[in-house]
Amino acid sequence: MIGFPSLLVAIAFSALVLPDLWSALLPVTAMTGAMAFRVRRSWVHLRAPHTADRTG
């Protein structure tokens, strides 16, 4: 298994080498993350509405 620091180094290196790829992937990743967060929040709301209402 790859250690976390070496993973960060690999990500930073790939960002330096392939900036075009990263600039293309960033919006897709952000959209996917936002969608997953929204789905998770609605799923939590469906499972336990009282806890979701308390947090706002």
N, C-alpha and C. Protein backbone atom coordinates (compact mmCIF):
# COMPACT_ATOMS: atom_id res chain seq x y z
N MET A 1 0.84 -1.20 0.00
CA MET A 1 0.00 0.00 0.00
C MET A 1 0.88 1.26 0.00
N ILE A 2 0.46 2.24 -0.77
CA ILE A 2 1.24 3.48 -0.87
C ILE A 2 1.00 4.34 0.35
N GLY A 3 2.07 4.88 0.92
CA GLY A 3 1.94 5.77 2.06
C GLY A 3 1.34 7.11 1.65
N PHE A 4 0.76 7.80 2.63
CA PHE A 4 0.09 9.06 2.33
C PHE A 4 1.04 10.14 1.83
N PRO A 5 2.22 10.33 2.45
CA PRO A 5 3.14 11.38 1.95
C PRO A 5 3.59 11.13 0.51
N SER A 6 3.87 9.87 0.18
CA SER A 6 4.31 9.59 -1.18
C SER A 6 3.16 9.80 -2.17
N LEU A 7 1.93 9.59 -1.70
CA LEU A 7 0.77 9.85 -2.55
C LEU A 7 0.66 11.35 -2.84
N LEU A 8 0.90 12.18 -1.82
CA LEU A 8 0.87 13.63 -2.01
C LEU A 8 1.97 14.07 -2.98
N VAL A 9 3.14 13.46 -2.86
CA VAL A 9 4.25 13.79 -3.76
C VAL A 9 3.88 13.42 -5.20
N ALA A 10 3.25 12.25 -5.36
CA ALA A 10 2.86 11.80 -6.70
C ALA A 10 1.81 12.75 -7.29
N ILE A 11 0.87 13.20 -6.45
CA ILE A 11 -0.17 14.13 -6.93
C ILE A 11 0.46 15.47 -7.33
N ALA A 12 1.38 15.97 -6.49
CA ALA A 12 2.03 17.24 -6.79
C ALA A 12 2.87 17.13 -8.07
N PHE A 13 3.58 16.01 -8.23
CA PHE A 13 4.40 15.80 -9.41
C PHE A 13 3.53 15.74 -10.67
N SER A 14 2.41 15.01 -10.57
CA SER A 14 1.54 14.90 -11.74
C SER A 14 0.89 16.25 -12.05
N ALA A 15 0.64 17.06 -11.02
CA ALA A 15 0.08 18.39 -11.25
C ALA A 15 1.08 19.28 -11.99
N LEU A 16 2.36 19.11 -11.69
CA LEU A 16 3.39 19.87 -12.39
C LEU A 16 3.57 19.39 -13.82
N VAL A 17 3.51 18.06 -14.00
CA VAL A 17 3.76 17.49 -15.32
C VAL A 17 2.54 17.61 -16.22
N LEU A 18 1.36 17.40 -15.64
CA LEU A 18 0.14 17.37 -16.46
C LEU A 18 -0.87 18.43 -16.00
N PRO A 19 -0.55 19.70 -16.12
CA PRO A 19 -1.50 20.73 -15.66
C PRO A 19 -2.79 20.74 -16.47
N ASP A 20 -2.68 20.40 -17.76
CA ASP A 20 -3.87 20.40 -18.60
C ASP A 20 -4.86 19.33 -18.16
N LEU A 21 -4.33 18.17 -17.81
CA LEU A 21 -5.19 17.09 -17.33
C LEU A 21 -5.89 17.49 -16.04
N TRP A 22 -5.13 18.13 -15.12
CA TRP A 22 -5.71 18.53 -13.85
C TRP A 22 -6.76 19.60 -14.04
N SER A 23 -6.50 20.56 -14.93
CA SER A 23 -7.48 21.63 -15.16
C SER A 23 -8.75 21.07 -15.80
N ALA A 24 -8.61 19.96 -16.53
CA ALA A 24 -9.78 19.33 -17.11
C ALA A 24 -10.54 18.50 -16.08
N LEU A 25 -9.80 17.87 -15.16
CA LEU A 25 -10.43 16.98 -14.19
C LEU A 25 -11.04 17.73 -13.01
N LEU A 26 -10.50 18.91 -12.69
CA LEU A 26 -10.93 19.62 -11.50
C LEU A 26 -12.44 19.93 -11.47
N PRO A 27 -13.02 20.51 -12.53
CA PRO A 27 -14.47 20.77 -12.49
C PRO A 27 -15.29 19.50 -12.35
N VAL A 28 -14.85 18.43 -13.02
CA VAL A 28 -15.57 17.16 -12.94
C VAL A 28 -15.54 16.62 -11.51
N THR A 29 -14.36 16.69 -10.90
CA THR A 29 -14.22 16.21 -9.52
C THR A 29 -15.06 17.04 -8.56
N ALA A 30 -15.04 18.36 -8.76
CA ALA A 30 -15.83 19.23 -7.88
C ALA A 30 -17.32 18.95 -8.04
N MET A 31 -17.77 18.76 -9.28
CA MET A 31 -19.18 18.48 -9.52
C MET A 31 -19.57 17.15 -8.88
N THR A 32 -18.73 16.14 -9.06
CA THR A 32 -19.04 14.83 -8.49
C THR A 32 -19.09 14.90 -6.97
N GLY A 33 -18.14 15.62 -6.38
CA GLY A 33 -18.12 15.77 -4.93
C GLY A 33 -19.35 16.49 -4.42
N ALA A 34 -19.75 17.56 -5.12
CA ALA A 34 -20.94 18.30 -4.70
C ALA A 34 -22.18 17.44 -4.82
N MET A 35 -22.27 16.66 -5.89
CA MET A 35 -23.42 15.78 -6.07
C MET A 35 -23.46 14.71 -4.98
N ALA A 36 -22.31 14.12 -4.67
CA ALA A 36 -22.26 13.09 -3.63
C ALA A 36 -22.64 13.68 -2.28
N PHE A 37 -22.18 14.91 -2.01
CA PHE A 37 -22.52 15.56 -0.74
C PHE A 37 -24.01 15.81 -0.65
N ARG A 38 -24.62 16.27 -1.76
CA ARG A 38 -26.05 16.56 -1.78
C ARG A 38 -26.86 15.28 -1.58
N VAL A 39 -26.43 14.22 -2.27
CA VAL A 39 -27.13 12.94 -2.14
C VAL A 39 -27.02 12.43 -0.70
N ARG A 40 -25.82 12.54 -0.13
CA ARG A 40 -25.63 12.07 1.24
C ARG A 40 -26.48 12.86 2.22
N ARG A 41 -26.56 14.17 2.02
CA ARG A 41 -27.35 15.01 2.92
C ARG A 41 -28.82 14.66 2.83
N SER A 42 -29.32 14.46 1.61
CA SER A 42 -30.73 14.12 1.47
C SER A 42 -31.01 12.73 2.03
N TRP A 43 -30.01 11.81 1.88
CA TRP A 43 -30.19 10.46 2.41
C TRP A 43 -30.25 10.50 3.94
N VAL A 44 -29.39 11.32 4.55
CA VAL A 44 -29.41 11.47 6.01
C VAL A 44 -30.74 12.07 6.44
N HIS A 45 -31.23 13.03 5.66
CA HIS A 45 -32.51 13.68 5.98
C HIS A 45 -33.65 12.67 5.90
N LEU A 46 -33.60 11.79 4.93
CA LEU A 46 -34.63 10.77 4.80
C LEU A 46 -34.56 9.76 5.94
N ARG A 47 -33.34 9.42 6.32
CA ARG A 47 -33.17 8.41 7.37
C ARG A 47 -33.55 8.95 8.74
N ALA A 48 -33.11 10.17 9.05
CA ALA A 48 -33.38 10.75 10.37
C ALA A 48 -33.67 12.24 10.22
N PRO A 49 -34.91 12.60 9.92
CA PRO A 49 -35.24 14.01 9.66
C PRO A 49 -34.99 14.91 10.87
N HIS A 50 -35.18 14.40 12.08
CA HIS A 50 -35.04 15.25 13.26
C HIS A 50 -33.60 15.71 13.46
N THR A 51 -32.62 14.84 13.16
CA THR A 51 -31.22 15.24 13.31
C THR A 51 -30.84 16.25 12.23
N ALA A 52 -31.37 16.08 11.03
CA ALA A 52 -31.05 17.01 9.95
C ALA A 52 -31.65 18.39 10.24
N ASP A 53 -32.84 18.41 10.82
CA ASP A 53 -33.46 19.69 11.13
C ASP A 53 -32.70 20.44 12.22
N ARG A 54 -32.14 19.69 13.17
CA ARG A 54 -31.44 20.32 14.28
C ARG A 54 -30.17 21.02 13.79
N THR A 55 -29.49 20.44 12.80
CA THR A 55 -28.24 21.04 12.32
C THR A 55 -28.51 22.21 11.38
N GLY A 56 -29.73 22.34 10.91
CA GLY A 56 -30.04 23.44 10.01
C GLY A 56 -30.29 22.92 8.64
